[in-house]
Amino acid sequence: MEIDPYIVGVIFGDGTIYKRSNGAYCVWVDQTEKNKIVLELEVVPRLKRMGLKVLFYSYYAKSDKVSKWRALVYSKELYVAVQKSTKEVIKYFDGLLDEDAKQFIAGLFDAEGTRTDRIVIYNQNLELLQAIKRRLDAFGVENSHIYKFGSIHGLQIYRKESVKKFLEVVPSIRLKVRFSG
């Protein structure tokens, strides 16, 4: 199965793959109400373009005490493709062509990123953030730095010129919708 790099990025950030005791293969991505657009405008349509049936619904997450949205797919083929891509995520990312790498970064940002006066992509995988930093440098998004925040790391872009370039290069739906106009 050819898997959309944006989907790999989102799933690596906020997704879950799970094999149920009844043998069903599940892949899902959860988002809060605030980030529902990630699922609604990107994840669900992209999964459907991949020929998958997507269940899109709201539920109450007891552990977080908040309502969330979920895009769920039952598919062994997707499960296996995602598992293979995310198991060796650095190898996967380094093998992407530039446009696909931008899609992966957009997906990871939409799942794990924040924007204030700077842009930060959070993840526990330091090597992945280093690989993304190298790719962003090649795209002209320079002067990013990786910092440790407790048990995770954050790839931080804070120079105005670099933030502007990131916004031009990385097709994040959260950045497009929030900061357009």
N, C-alpha and C. Protein backbone atom coordinates (compact mmCIF):
# COMPACT_ATOMS: atom_id res chain seq x y z
N MET A 1 0.85 -1.19 0.00
CA MET A 1 0.00 0.00 0.00
C MET A 1 0.88 1.24 0.00
N GLU A 2 0.56 2.15 -0.89
CA GLU A 2 1.24 3.45 -0.94
C GLU A 2 0.57 4.34 0.10
N ILE A 3 1.35 4.77 1.07
CA ILE A 3 0.77 5.56 2.17
C ILE A 3 1.20 7.02 2.04
N ASP A 4 0.26 7.90 2.23
CA ASP A 4 0.47 9.34 2.15
C ASP A 4 1.43 9.76 3.27
N PRO A 5 2.53 10.46 2.93
CA PRO A 5 3.50 10.88 3.96
C PRO A 5 2.90 11.79 5.03
N TYR A 6 1.91 12.60 4.68
CA TYR A 6 1.24 13.43 5.68
C TYR A 6 0.59 12.52 6.74
N ILE A 7 -0.05 11.46 6.28
CA ILE A 7 -0.71 10.51 7.19
C ILE A 7 0.32 9.85 8.10
N VAL A 8 1.46 9.48 7.56
CA VAL A 8 2.52 8.88 8.40
C VAL A 8 2.95 9.87 9.48
N GLY A 9 3.12 11.13 9.11
CA GLY A 9 3.51 12.16 10.09
C GLY A 9 2.49 12.35 11.18
N VAL A 10 1.21 12.44 10.81
CA VAL A 10 0.15 12.61 11.79
C VAL A 10 0.07 11.39 12.71
N ILE A 11 0.11 10.21 12.12
CA ILE A 11 0.00 8.99 12.93
C ILE A 11 1.21 8.84 13.84
N PHE A 12 2.41 9.16 13.33
CA PHE A 12 3.60 9.08 14.17
C PHE A 12 3.46 10.04 15.36
N GLY A 13 2.82 11.18 15.13
CA GLY A 13 2.65 12.16 16.20
C GLY A 13 1.51 11.83 17.15
N ASP A 14 0.32 11.64 16.62
CA ASP A 14 -0.88 11.49 17.46
C ASP A 14 -1.69 10.24 17.16
N GLY A 15 -1.15 9.33 16.42
CA GLY A 15 -1.93 8.17 16.02
C GLY A 15 -1.66 6.94 16.87
N THR A 16 -2.49 5.95 16.63
CA THR A 16 -2.37 4.67 17.31
C THR A 16 -2.63 3.56 16.30
N ILE A 17 -1.83 2.52 16.37
CA ILE A 17 -2.13 1.30 15.62
C ILE A 17 -2.31 0.20 16.66
N TYR A 18 -3.31 -0.65 16.42
CA TYR A 18 -3.68 -1.62 17.45
C TYR A 18 -4.31 -2.84 16.80
N LYS A 19 -3.90 -4.00 17.25
CA LYS A 19 -4.53 -5.24 16.80
C LYS A 19 -5.40 -5.74 17.95
N ARG A 20 -6.71 -5.79 17.71
CA ARG A 20 -7.65 -6.21 18.75
C ARG A 20 -7.61 -7.72 18.95
N SER A 21 -8.10 -8.16 20.07
CA SER A 21 -8.11 -9.59 20.40
C SER A 21 -8.94 -10.41 19.42
N ASN A 22 -9.90 -9.76 18.74
CA ASN A 22 -10.71 -10.47 17.75
C ASN A 22 -10.05 -10.50 16.37
N GLY A 23 -8.81 -9.98 16.28
CA GLY A 23 -8.06 -10.02 15.03
C GLY A 23 -8.22 -8.79 14.16
N ALA A 24 -9.02 -7.82 14.58
CA ALA A 24 -9.23 -6.60 13.79
C ALA A 24 -8.00 -5.69 13.91
N TYR A 25 -7.60 -5.13 12.78
CA TYR A 25 -6.47 -4.20 12.74
C TYR A 25 -7.01 -2.78 12.70
N CYS A 26 -6.63 -1.98 13.69
CA CYS A 26 -7.16 -0.62 13.83
C CYS A 26 -6.03 0.40 13.71
N VAL A 27 -6.33 1.49 13.03
CA VAL A 27 -5.44 2.64 12.95
C VAL A 27 -6.30 3.87 13.19
N TRP A 28 -5.90 4.72 14.17
CA TRP A 28 -6.69 5.91 14.42
C TRP A 28 -5.83 7.09 14.84
N VAL A 29 -6.43 8.26 14.65
CA VAL A 29 -5.83 9.53 15.07
C VAL A 29 -6.89 10.28 15.85
N ASP A 30 -6.51 10.78 17.01
CA ASP A 30 -7.41 11.57 17.85
C ASP A 30 -6.94 13.03 17.88
N GLN A 31 -7.92 13.93 17.96
CA GLN A 31 -7.64 15.36 18.12
C GLN A 31 -8.71 15.97 19.01
N THR A 32 -8.35 17.02 19.70
CA THR A 32 -9.32 17.76 20.50
C THR A 32 -10.20 18.60 19.56
N GLU A 33 -11.26 19.14 20.10
CA GLU A 33 -12.17 19.99 19.31
C GLU A 33 -11.40 21.10 18.61
N LYS A 34 -10.46 21.71 19.33
CA LYS A 34 -9.67 22.82 18.79
C LYS A 34 -8.94 22.42 17.51
N ASN A 35 -8.51 21.17 17.41
CA ASN A 35 -7.74 20.71 16.24
C ASN A 35 -8.52 19.73 15.36
N LYS A 36 -9.84 19.77 15.49
CA LYS A 36 -10.70 18.90 14.67
C LYS A 36 -10.42 19.08 13.18
N ILE A 37 -10.05 20.29 12.76
CA ILE A 37 -9.81 20.57 11.34
C ILE A 37 -8.72 19.68 10.76
N VAL A 38 -7.77 19.26 11.59
CA VAL A 38 -6.71 18.37 11.10
C VAL A 38 -7.34 17.09 10.56
N LEU A 39 -8.28 16.55 11.31
CA LEU A 39 -8.96 15.33 10.87
C LEU A 39 -9.93 15.61 9.74
N GLU A 40 -10.73 16.64 9.91
CA GLU A 40 -11.81 16.96 8.98
C GLU A 40 -11.31 17.36 7.60
N LEU A 41 -10.28 18.21 7.55
CA LEU A 41 -9.82 18.76 6.27
C LEU A 41 -8.64 18.02 5.66
N GLU A 42 -7.93 17.24 6.45
CA GLU A 42 -6.74 16.56 5.91
C GLU A 42 -6.78 15.05 6.08
N VAL A 43 -6.86 14.57 7.31
CA VAL A 43 -6.72 13.14 7.57
C VAL A 43 -7.82 12.32 6.90
N VAL A 44 -9.07 12.66 7.16
CA VAL A 44 -10.18 11.88 6.59
C VAL A 44 -10.15 11.90 5.06
N PRO A 45 -10.05 13.08 4.41
CA PRO A 45 -10.01 13.07 2.94
C PRO A 45 -8.81 12.30 2.37
N ARG A 46 -7.65 12.40 3.01
CA ARG A 46 -6.46 11.70 2.50
C ARG A 46 -6.62 10.19 2.65
N LEU A 47 -7.16 9.75 3.77
CA LEU A 47 -7.39 8.31 3.96
C LEU A 47 -8.40 7.80 2.93
N LYS A 48 -9.43 8.59 2.66
CA LYS A 48 -10.42 8.19 1.66
C LYS A 48 -9.80 8.13 0.27
N ARG A 49 -8.91 9.07 -0.05
CA ARG A 49 -8.22 9.03 -1.35
C ARG A 49 -7.34 7.80 -1.48
N MET A 50 -6.91 7.26 -0.33
CA MET A 50 -6.12 6.02 -0.34
C MET A 50 -7.04 4.80 -0.50
N GLY A 51 -8.34 5.04 -0.63
CA GLY A 51 -9.30 3.96 -0.84
C GLY A 51 -9.78 3.29 0.44
N LEU A 52 -9.65 3.99 1.56
CA LEU A 52 -10.02 3.41 2.85
C LEU A 52 -11.35 3.95 3.35
N LYS A 53 -12.08 3.12 4.07
CA LYS A 53 -13.32 3.54 4.72
C LYS A 53 -12.94 4.11 6.08
N VAL A 54 -13.37 5.34 6.34
CA VAL A 54 -12.99 6.05 7.56
C VAL A 54 -14.23 6.29 8.43
N LEU A 55 -14.11 5.93 9.69
CA LEU A 55 -15.14 6.26 10.68
C LEU A 55 -14.66 7.53 11.39
N PHE A 56 -15.48 8.57 11.35
CA PHE A 56 -15.12 9.86 11.92
C PHE A 56 -16.18 10.22 12.95
N TYR A 57 -15.79 10.31 14.22
CA TYR A 57 -16.78 10.53 15.27
C TYR A 57 -16.16 11.22 16.47
N SER A 58 -17.04 11.72 17.32
CA SER A 58 -16.65 12.38 18.56
C SER A 58 -16.88 11.41 19.72
N TYR A 59 -16.04 11.51 20.75
CA TYR A 59 -16.21 10.69 21.95
C TYR A 59 -15.64 11.45 23.14
N TYR A 60 -16.01 11.00 24.32
CA TYR A 60 -15.51 11.62 25.55
C TYR A 60 -14.34 10.79 26.07
N ALA A 61 -13.16 11.41 26.15
CA ALA A 61 -11.95 10.75 26.66
C ALA A 61 -11.93 10.91 28.18
N LYS A 62 -12.29 9.85 28.88
CA LYS A 62 -12.37 9.90 30.35
C LYS A 62 -11.03 10.28 30.98
N SER A 63 -9.93 9.73 30.44
CA SER A 63 -8.61 9.99 31.04
C SER A 63 -8.23 11.46 30.96
N ASP A 64 -8.61 12.14 29.87
CA ASP A 64 -8.29 13.55 29.70
C ASP A 64 -9.43 14.48 30.13
N LYS A 65 -10.61 13.88 30.38
CA LYS A 65 -11.81 14.64 30.75
C LYS A 65 -12.14 15.71 29.71
N VAL A 66 -12.12 15.30 28.43
CA VAL A 66 -12.39 16.22 27.34
C VAL A 66 -12.99 15.44 26.16
N SER A 67 -13.80 16.13 25.37
CA SER A 67 -14.33 15.51 24.15
C SER A 67 -13.24 15.56 23.07
N LYS A 68 -13.15 14.48 22.33
CA LYS A 68 -12.18 14.39 21.24
C LYS A 68 -12.85 13.88 19.98
N TRP A 69 -12.16 14.06 18.89
CA TRP A 69 -12.59 13.53 17.59
C TRP A 69 -11.63 12.44 17.18
N ARG A 70 -12.16 11.43 16.52
CA ARG A 70 -11.32 10.30 16.09
C ARG A 70 -11.62 9.96 14.63
N ALA A 71 -10.56 9.74 13.88
CA ALA A 71 -10.65 9.17 12.53
C ALA A 71 -10.09 7.76 12.66
N LEU A 72 -10.94 6.76 12.43
CA LEU A 72 -10.60 5.35 12.65
C LEU A 72 -10.74 4.56 11.36
N VAL A 73 -9.75 3.72 11.09
CA VAL A 73 -9.78 2.84 9.93
C VAL A 73 -9.50 1.43 10.41
N TYR A 74 -10.32 0.48 9.94
CA TYR A 74 -10.04 -0.93 10.15
C TYR A 74 -9.40 -1.44 8.87
N SER A 75 -8.09 -1.72 8.93
CA SER A 75 -7.39 -2.17 7.73
C SER A 75 -6.05 -2.80 8.12
N LYS A 76 -5.90 -4.06 7.80
CA LYS A 76 -4.62 -4.72 8.06
C LYS A 76 -3.54 -4.11 7.17
N GLU A 77 -3.90 -3.80 5.93
CA GLU A 77 -2.93 -3.24 4.99
C GLU A 77 -2.38 -1.90 5.49
N LEU A 78 -3.26 -1.03 5.96
CA LEU A 78 -2.81 0.26 6.51
C LEU A 78 -2.00 0.04 7.78
N TYR A 79 -2.47 -0.83 8.65
CA TYR A 79 -1.77 -1.15 9.89
C TYR A 79 -0.32 -1.56 9.59
N VAL A 80 -0.15 -2.49 8.66
CA VAL A 80 1.19 -2.99 8.31
C VAL A 80 2.04 -1.88 7.69
N ALA A 81 1.46 -1.08 6.80
CA ALA A 81 2.20 0.00 6.15
C ALA A 81 2.65 1.05 7.17
N VAL A 82 1.77 1.42 8.08
CA VAL A 82 2.11 2.41 9.10
C VAL A 82 3.17 1.84 10.05
N GLN A 83 2.99 0.60 10.45
CA GLN A 83 3.94 -0.03 11.36
C GLN A 83 5.34 -0.05 10.73
N LYS A 84 5.41 -0.41 9.46
CA LYS A 84 6.71 -0.46 8.76
C LYS A 84 7.32 0.94 8.66
N SER A 85 6.52 1.94 8.30
CA SER A 85 7.03 3.30 8.14
C SER A 85 7.50 3.91 9.45
N THR A 86 6.74 3.67 10.53
CA THR A 86 7.07 4.32 11.80
C THR A 86 8.11 3.54 12.61
N LYS A 87 8.25 2.25 12.33
CA LYS A 87 9.25 1.46 13.06
C LYS A 87 10.66 1.97 12.76
N GLU A 88 10.91 2.29 11.52
CA GLU A 88 12.21 2.85 11.11
C GLU A 88 11.95 4.24 10.52
N VAL A 89 11.42 5.13 11.34
CA VAL A 89 10.94 6.42 10.86
C VAL A 89 12.05 7.29 10.27
N ILE A 90 13.26 7.22 10.78
CA ILE A 90 14.35 8.03 10.23
C ILE A 90 14.69 7.55 8.83
N LYS A 91 14.79 6.26 8.66
CA LYS A 91 15.05 5.68 7.34
C LYS A 91 13.92 6.05 6.37
N TYR A 92 12.69 5.96 6.85
CA TYR A 92 11.53 6.33 6.04
C TYR A 92 11.63 7.80 5.64
N PHE A 93 11.83 8.68 6.63
CA PHE A 93 11.87 10.12 6.37
C PHE A 93 13.02 10.49 5.44
N ASP A 94 14.21 9.96 5.70
CA ASP A 94 15.37 10.29 4.88
C ASP A 94 15.19 9.83 3.43
N GLY A 95 14.36 8.81 3.21
CA GLY A 95 14.11 8.30 1.86
C GLY A 95 13.05 9.05 1.09
N LEU A 96 12.39 10.01 1.72
CA LEU A 96 11.33 10.76 1.05
C LEU A 96 11.90 11.83 0.12
N LEU A 97 11.24 12.02 -1.01
CA LEU A 97 11.55 13.15 -1.88
C LEU A 97 11.15 14.43 -1.15
N ASP A 98 11.68 15.56 -1.58
CA ASP A 98 11.45 16.83 -0.88
C ASP A 98 9.97 17.14 -0.65
N GLU A 99 9.14 17.01 -1.67
CA GLU A 99 7.71 17.33 -1.51
C GLU A 99 7.04 16.41 -0.50
N ASP A 100 7.41 15.12 -0.53
CA ASP A 100 6.85 14.18 0.44
C ASP A 100 7.36 14.47 1.85
N ALA A 101 8.62 14.89 1.96
CA ALA A 101 9.18 15.26 3.27
C ALA A 101 8.42 16.46 3.85
N LYS A 102 8.06 17.41 2.99
CA LYS A 102 7.28 18.57 3.45
C LYS A 102 5.92 18.11 3.97
N GLN A 103 5.31 17.13 3.29
CA GLN A 103 4.02 16.60 3.72
C GLN A 103 4.15 15.90 5.08
N PHE A 104 5.21 15.09 5.23
CA PHE A 104 5.44 14.41 6.51
C PHE A 104 5.60 15.43 7.64
N ILE A 105 6.42 16.46 7.40
CA ILE A 105 6.65 17.50 8.42
C ILE A 105 5.34 18.20 8.75
N ALA A 106 4.52 18.48 7.73
CA ALA A 106 3.22 19.12 7.96
C ALA A 106 2.34 18.23 8.84
N GLY A 107 2.32 16.94 8.56
CA GLY A 107 1.53 16.01 9.36
C GLY A 107 2.01 15.94 10.80
N LEU A 108 3.33 15.87 10.97
CA LEU A 108 3.89 15.82 12.32
C LEU A 108 3.61 17.13 13.05
N PHE A 109 3.75 18.27 12.36
CA PHE A 109 3.44 19.55 12.99
C PHE A 109 1.97 19.61 13.39
N ASP A 110 1.08 19.19 12.49
CA ASP A 110 -0.35 19.26 12.80
C ASP A 110 -0.70 18.40 14.01
N ALA A 111 0.07 17.34 14.22
CA ALA A 111 -0.15 16.48 15.39
C ALA A 111 0.57 16.98 16.63
N GLU A 112 1.80 17.44 16.47
CA GLU A 112 2.68 17.69 17.62
C GLU A 112 3.23 19.11 17.73
N GLY A 113 2.76 20.03 16.90
CA GLY A 113 3.38 21.34 16.86
C GLY A 113 2.59 22.43 17.54
N THR A 114 3.28 23.53 17.79
CA THR A 114 2.63 24.73 18.31
C THR A 114 3.21 25.95 17.60
N ARG A 115 2.41 27.01 17.55
CA ARG A 115 2.90 28.27 17.00
C ARG A 115 2.46 29.39 17.91
N THR A 116 3.43 30.15 18.36
CA THR A 116 3.18 31.39 19.07
C THR A 116 3.97 32.43 18.29
N ASP A 117 4.97 33.02 18.91
CA ASP A 117 5.89 33.87 18.16
C ASP A 117 6.96 33.01 17.49
N ARG A 118 6.91 31.73 17.75
CA ARG A 118 7.84 30.76 17.18
C ARG A 118 7.07 29.51 16.79
N ILE A 119 7.75 28.61 16.14
CA ILE A 119 7.17 27.31 15.76
C ILE A 119 7.97 26.25 16.49
N VAL A 120 7.26 25.29 17.10
CA VAL A 120 7.94 24.19 17.78
C VAL A 120 7.26 22.88 17.37
N ILE A 121 8.08 21.90 17.03
CA ILE A 121 7.59 20.54 16.78
C ILE A 121 8.15 19.69 17.91
N TYR A 122 7.27 19.07 18.68
CA TYR A 122 7.66 18.26 19.82
C TYR A 122 7.67 16.78 19.45
N ASN A 123 8.64 16.04 19.99
CA ASN A 123 8.66 14.59 19.82
C ASN A 123 9.71 14.00 20.73
N GLN A 124 9.54 12.73 21.09
CA GLN A 124 10.53 12.04 21.91
C GLN A 124 11.72 11.57 21.08
N ASN A 125 11.52 11.44 19.77
CA ASN A 125 12.55 10.89 18.90
C ASN A 125 13.52 12.00 18.45
N LEU A 126 14.61 12.13 19.19
CA LEU A 126 15.61 13.16 18.91
C LEU A 126 16.20 13.00 17.51
N GLU A 127 16.47 11.77 17.11
CA GLU A 127 17.06 11.54 15.78
C GLU A 127 16.13 12.01 14.67
N LEU A 128 14.84 11.80 14.84
CA LEU A 128 13.88 12.27 13.84
C LEU A 128 13.89 13.79 13.77
N LEU A 129 13.89 14.45 14.91
CA LEU A 129 13.93 15.92 14.91
C LEU A 129 15.21 16.43 14.27
N GLN A 130 16.32 15.73 14.49
CA GLN A 130 17.58 16.12 13.84
C GLN A 130 17.49 15.96 12.33
N ALA A 131 16.86 14.88 11.87
CA ALA A 131 16.67 14.66 10.43
C ALA A 131 15.76 15.74 9.83
N ILE A 132 14.71 16.10 10.56
CA ILE A 132 13.81 17.16 10.09
C ILE A 132 14.56 18.49 10.04
N LYS A 133 15.37 18.75 11.05
CA LYS A 133 16.16 19.99 11.07
C LYS A 133 17.06 20.08 9.85
N ARG A 134 17.74 18.97 9.50
CA ARG A 134 18.60 18.96 8.31
C ARG A 134 17.79 19.26 7.06
N ARG A 135 16.62 18.65 6.95
CA ARG A 135 15.78 18.85 5.76
C ARG A 135 15.27 20.28 5.72
N LEU A 136 14.86 20.82 6.86
CA LEU A 136 14.40 22.21 6.89
C LEU A 136 15.52 23.17 6.49
N ASP A 137 16.74 22.90 6.96
CA ASP A 137 17.89 23.72 6.56
C ASP A 137 18.02 23.73 5.04
N ALA A 138 17.87 22.56 4.42
CA ALA A 138 17.97 22.44 2.96
C ALA A 138 16.84 23.20 2.27
N PHE A 139 15.69 23.34 2.94
CA PHE A 139 14.55 24.08 2.38
C PHE A 139 14.68 25.58 2.63
N GLY A 140 15.74 26.00 3.33
CA GLY A 140 15.93 27.41 3.62
C GLY A 140 15.33 27.87 4.94
N VAL A 141 14.84 26.93 5.74
CA VAL A 141 14.32 27.26 7.08
C VAL A 141 15.50 27.06 8.02
N GLU A 142 16.23 28.13 8.23
CA GLU A 142 17.50 28.02 8.96
C GLU A 142 17.37 28.45 10.41
N ASN A 143 18.44 28.20 11.14
CA ASN A 143 18.57 28.63 12.54
C ASN A 143 17.56 27.99 13.47
N SER A 144 17.17 26.74 13.21
CA SER A 144 16.30 26.04 14.16
C SER A 144 17.20 25.37 15.19
N HIS A 145 16.64 25.14 16.36
CA HIS A 145 17.40 24.54 17.45
C HIS A 145 16.54 23.48 18.12
N ILE A 146 17.19 22.46 18.66
CA ILE A 146 16.49 21.40 19.36
C ILE A 146 16.81 21.52 20.85
N TYR A 147 15.75 21.58 21.64
CA TYR A 147 15.87 21.70 23.09
C TYR A 147 15.17 20.52 23.75
N LYS A 148 15.60 20.20 24.96
CA LYS A 148 14.95 19.15 25.73
C LYS A 148 13.92 19.80 26.66
N PHE A 149 12.70 19.25 26.63
CA PHE A 149 11.62 19.69 27.50
C PHE A 149 11.16 18.49 28.30
N GLY A 150 11.75 18.25 29.44
CA GLY A 150 11.41 17.06 30.22
C GLY A 150 11.83 15.81 29.48
N SER A 151 10.88 14.93 29.19
CA SER A 151 11.20 13.68 28.52
C SER A 151 11.10 13.78 27.00
N ILE A 152 10.71 14.95 26.49
CA ILE A 152 10.61 15.11 25.04
C ILE A 152 11.55 16.21 24.56
N HIS A 153 11.66 16.31 23.25
CA HIS A 153 12.48 17.35 22.63
C HIS A 153 11.58 18.24 21.78
N GLY A 154 12.05 19.43 21.54
CA GLY A 154 11.31 20.35 20.69
C GLY A 154 12.23 20.97 19.66
N LEU A 155 11.87 20.85 18.40
CA LEU A 155 12.59 21.53 17.32
C LEU A 155 11.96 22.92 17.22
N GLN A 156 12.74 23.94 17.57
CA GLN A 156 12.22 25.28 17.71
C GLN A 156 12.75 26.19 16.60
N ILE A 157 11.83 26.91 15.98
CA ILE A 157 12.16 27.88 14.94
C ILE A 157 11.65 29.21 15.44
N TYR A 158 12.54 30.15 15.69
CA TYR A 158 12.09 31.38 16.32
C TYR A 158 12.47 32.66 15.60
N ARG A 159 13.38 32.62 14.65
CA ARG A 159 13.69 33.84 13.90
C ARG A 159 12.55 34.14 12.94
N LYS A 160 12.17 35.41 12.85
CA LYS A 160 11.02 35.80 12.03
C LYS A 160 11.15 35.31 10.59
N GLU A 161 12.35 35.46 10.01
CA GLU A 161 12.55 35.04 8.62
C GLU A 161 12.37 33.53 8.47
N SER A 162 12.83 32.79 9.47
CA SER A 162 12.73 31.33 9.43
C SER A 162 11.29 30.87 9.64
N VAL A 163 10.56 31.54 10.53
CA VAL A 163 9.15 31.22 10.75
C VAL A 163 8.38 31.47 9.45
N LYS A 164 8.64 32.61 8.82
CA LYS A 164 7.98 32.96 7.56
C LYS A 164 8.27 31.90 6.49
N LYS A 165 9.51 31.48 6.39
CA LYS A 165 9.90 30.46 5.40
C LYS A 165 9.21 29.13 5.70
N PHE A 166 9.14 28.74 6.98
CA PHE A 166 8.45 27.51 7.37
C PHE A 166 7.00 27.57 6.91
N LEU A 167 6.35 28.71 7.12
CA LEU A 167 4.96 28.87 6.72
C LEU A 167 4.79 28.74 5.20
N GLU A 168 5.79 29.17 4.45
CA GLU A 168 5.75 29.05 2.98
C GLU A 168 6.01 27.63 2.51
N VAL A 169 6.88 26.92 3.20
CA VAL A 169 7.38 25.61 2.74
C VAL A 169 6.52 24.45 3.22
N VAL A 170 6.07 24.50 4.46
CA VAL A 170 5.38 23.35 5.08
C VAL A 170 3.86 23.56 5.01
N PRO A 171 3.16 22.67 4.30
CA PRO A 171 1.71 22.84 4.09
C PRO A 171 0.85 22.34 5.26
N SER A 172 1.05 22.91 6.42
CA SER A 172 0.28 22.55 7.61
C SER A 172 -1.11 23.15 7.56
N ILE A 173 -2.14 22.34 7.75
CA ILE A 173 -3.51 22.86 7.74
C ILE A 173 -3.76 23.73 8.98
N ARG A 174 -3.18 23.37 10.12
CA ARG A 174 -3.38 24.20 11.32
C ARG A 174 -2.80 25.59 11.13
N LEU A 175 -1.64 25.71 10.50
CA LEU A 175 -1.04 27.02 10.27
C LEU A 175 -1.79 27.78 9.18
N LYS A 176 -2.24 27.07 8.16
CA LYS A 176 -2.97 27.70 7.06
C LYS A 176 -4.28 28.29 7.53
N VAL A 177 -5.04 27.55 8.30
CA VAL A 177 -6.36 27.98 8.75
C VAL A 177 -6.24 29.04 9.82
N ARG A 178 -5.34 28.85 10.77
CA ARG A 178 -5.23 29.78 11.90
C ARG A 178 -4.62 31.12 11.49
N PHE A 179 -3.66 31.09 10.56
CA PHE A 179 -2.92 32.31 10.27
C PHE A 179 -3.16 32.86 8.86
N SER A 180 -4.22 32.42 8.20
CA SER A 180 -4.51 32.97 6.87
C SER A 180 -5.28 34.28 7.02
N GLY A 181 -5.22 35.05 5.98
CA GLY A 181 -5.99 36.30 5.94
C GLY A 181 -5.40 37.31 6.82
